[in-house]
Amino acid sequence: MVLTFMSESRQINVSKTGVSKLAIVALAIVFAAGLFVVGFDQGHVFSLVYGEQAFADLYIHELTHDMRHAAGFPCH
């Protein structure tokens, strides 16, 4: 008795295109803007709209205060 097994071979094509350079640049810009807003903003962002009062109110600073400390940014 002879058993014959027929095997099917399938070819799988894997495309390795990688991440586009434009996506990396866009992510770097978003990261830098977020780092500025969370870590270094002392009213600069809203001063474009509210003027000098934004430096006294520090809206973003107060909203991200605990996150600033957790990230190691000194703020007072």
C-alpha atoms as a PDB file:
ATOM      1  CA  MET A   1       0.000   0.000   0.000  1.00  0.00           C
ATOM      2  CA  VAL A   2       1.458   3.341  -1.066  1.00  0.00           C
ATOM      3  CA  LEU A   3       0.139   6.594   0.332  1.00  0.00           C
ATOM      4  CA  THR A   4       0.668   9.639  -1.750  1.00  0.00           C
ATOM      5  CA  PHE A   5       0.206  13.078  -0.276  1.00  0.00           C
ATOM      6  CA  MET A   6      -0.243  15.949  -2.584  1.00  0.00           C
ATOM      7  CA  SER A   7       0.856  19.181  -1.064  1.00  0.00           C
ATOM      8  CA  GLU A   8      -0.157  22.550  -2.249  1.00  0.00           C
ATOM      9  CA  SER A   9       2.502  25.213  -2.240  1.00  0.00           C
ATOM     10  CA  ARG A  10       1.368  28.773  -1.924  1.00  0.00           C
ATOM     11  CA  GLN A  11       3.495  31.784  -2.464  1.00  0.00           C
ATOM     12  CA  ILE A  12       2.955  34.701  -0.123  1.00  0.00           C
ATOM     13  CA  ASN A  13       4.271  38.066  -1.181  1.00  0.00           C
ATOM     14  CA  VAL A  14       5.099  40.463   1.615  1.00  0.00           C
ATOM     15  CA  SER A  15       5.639  44.065   0.717  1.00  0.00           C
ATOM     16  CA  LYS A  16       8.031  45.989   2.934  1.00  0.00           C
ATOM     17  CA  THR A  17       7.566  49.593   1.938  1.00  0.00           C
ATOM     18  CA  GLY A  18       8.421  51.218   5.273  1.00  0.00           C
ATOM     19  CA  VAL A  19       7.275  54.530   6.650  1.00  0.00           C
ATOM     20  CA  SER A  20       7.269  57.526   4.362  1.00  0.00           C
ATOM     21  CA  LYS A  21       9.586  60.401   5.156  1.00  0.00           C
ATOM     22  CA  LEU A  22       6.669  62.813   5.021  1.00  0.00           C
ATOM     23  CA  ALA A  23       4.932  60.889   7.822  1.00  0.00           C
ATOM     24  CA  ILE A  24       8.080  61.023   9.951  1.00  0.00           C
ATOM     25  CA  VAL A  25       8.447  64.780   9.408  1.00  0.00           C
ATOM     26  CA  ALA A  26       4.762  65.369  10.218  1.00  0.00           C
ATOM     27  CA  LEU A  27       5.062  63.304  13.408  1.00  0.00           C
ATOM     28  CA  ALA A  28       8.200  65.207  14.438  1.00  0.00           C
ATOM     29  CA  ILE A  29       6.399  68.537  13.956  1.00  0.00           C
ATOM     30  CA  VAL A  30       3.406  67.360  16.006  1.00  0.00           C
ATOM     31  CA  PHE A  31       5.763  66.093  18.728  1.00  0.00           C
ATOM     32  CA  ALA A  32       7.715  69.356  18.860  1.00  0.00           C
ATOM     33  CA  ALA A  33       4.527  71.428  18.998  1.00  0.00           C
ATOM     34  CA  GLY A  34       3.113  69.233  21.761  1.00  0.00           C
ATOM     35  CA  LEU A  35       6.355  69.417  23.720  1.00  0.00           C
ATOM     36  CA  PHE A  36       6.297  73.202  23.496  1.00  0.00           C
ATOM     37  CA  VAL A  37       2.650  73.485  24.535  1.00  0.00           C
ATOM     38  CA  VAL A  38       2.936  71.090  27.477  1.00  0.00           C
ATOM     39  CA  GLY A  39       6.436  71.891  28.660  1.00  0.00           C
ATOM     40  CA  PHE A  40       7.312  75.449  27.850  1.00  0.00           C
ATOM     41  CA  ASP A  41       4.144  77.418  27.187  1.00  0.00           C
ATOM     42  CA  GLN A  42       3.643  80.213  29.696  1.00  0.00           C
ATOM     43  CA  GLY A  43       0.808  81.959  27.876  1.00  0.00           C
ATOM     44  CA  HIS A  44       2.473  82.224  24.472  1.00  0.00           C
ATOM     45  CA  VAL A  45      -0.147  80.217  22.569  1.00  0.00           C
ATOM     46  CA  PHE A  46      -3.190  82.158  23.779  1.00  0.00           C
ATOM     47  CA  SER A  47      -1.382  85.505  23.707  1.00  0.00           C
ATOM     48  CA  LEU A  48      -2.115  85.590  19.983  1.00  0.00           C
ATOM     49  CA  VAL A  49      -5.819  85.811  20.847  1.00  0.00           C
ATOM     50  CA  TYR A  50      -6.009  87.238  24.377  1.00  0.00           C
ATOM     51  CA  GLY A  51      -2.984  89.496  24.313  1.00  0.00           C
ATOM     52  CA  GLU A  52      -1.021  90.235  27.491  1.00  0.00           C
ATOM     53  CA  GLN A  53      -3.753  88.795  29.741  1.00  0.00           C
ATOM     54  CA  ALA A  54      -2.836  85.284  28.574  1.00  0.00           C
ATOM     55  CA  PHE A  55       0.530  85.562  30.337  1.00  0.00           C
ATOM     56  CA  ALA A  56      -1.289  86.177  33.626  1.00  0.00           C
ATOM     57  CA  ASP A  57      -3.994  83.515  33.169  1.00  0.00           C
ATOM     58  CA  LEU A  58      -1.769  80.619  31.978  1.00  0.00           C
ATOM     59  CA  TYR A  59      -4.676  78.473  30.788  1.00  0.00           C
ATOM     60  CA  ILE A  60      -2.605  75.707  29.176  1.00  0.00           C
ATOM     61  CA  HIS A  61      -0.144  75.697  32.061  1.00  0.00           C
ATOM     62  CA  GLU A  62      -2.938  75.125  34.553  1.00  0.00           C
ATOM     63  CA  LEU A  63      -4.627  72.451  32.428  1.00  0.00           C
ATOM     64  CA  THR A  64      -1.390  70.485  31.992  1.00  0.00           C
ATOM     65  CA  HIS A  65       0.126  71.245  35.399  1.00  0.00           C
ATOM     66  CA  ASP A  66       0.246  67.687  36.768  1.00  0.00           C
ATOM     67  CA  MET A  67       1.455  66.298  33.441  1.00  0.00           C
ATOM     68  CA  ARG A  68       4.286  68.850  33.447  1.00  0.00           C
ATOM     69  CA  HIS A  69       5.487  67.641  36.837  1.00  0.00           C
ATOM     70  CA  ALA A  70       5.153  63.981  35.828  1.00  0.00           C
ATOM     71  CA  ALA A  71       7.274  64.693  32.734  1.00  0.00           C
ATOM     72  CA  GLY A  72       9.938  66.408  34.840  1.00  0.00           C
ATOM     73  CA  PHE A  73       9.335  70.013  33.796  1.00  0.00           C
ATOM     74  CA  PRO A  74       9.811  72.468  36.639  1.00  0.00           C
ATOM     75  CA  CYS A  75       7.223  75.183  36.595  1.00  0.00           C
ATOM     76  CA  HIS A  76       7.325  76.955  39.961  1.00  0.00           C
END
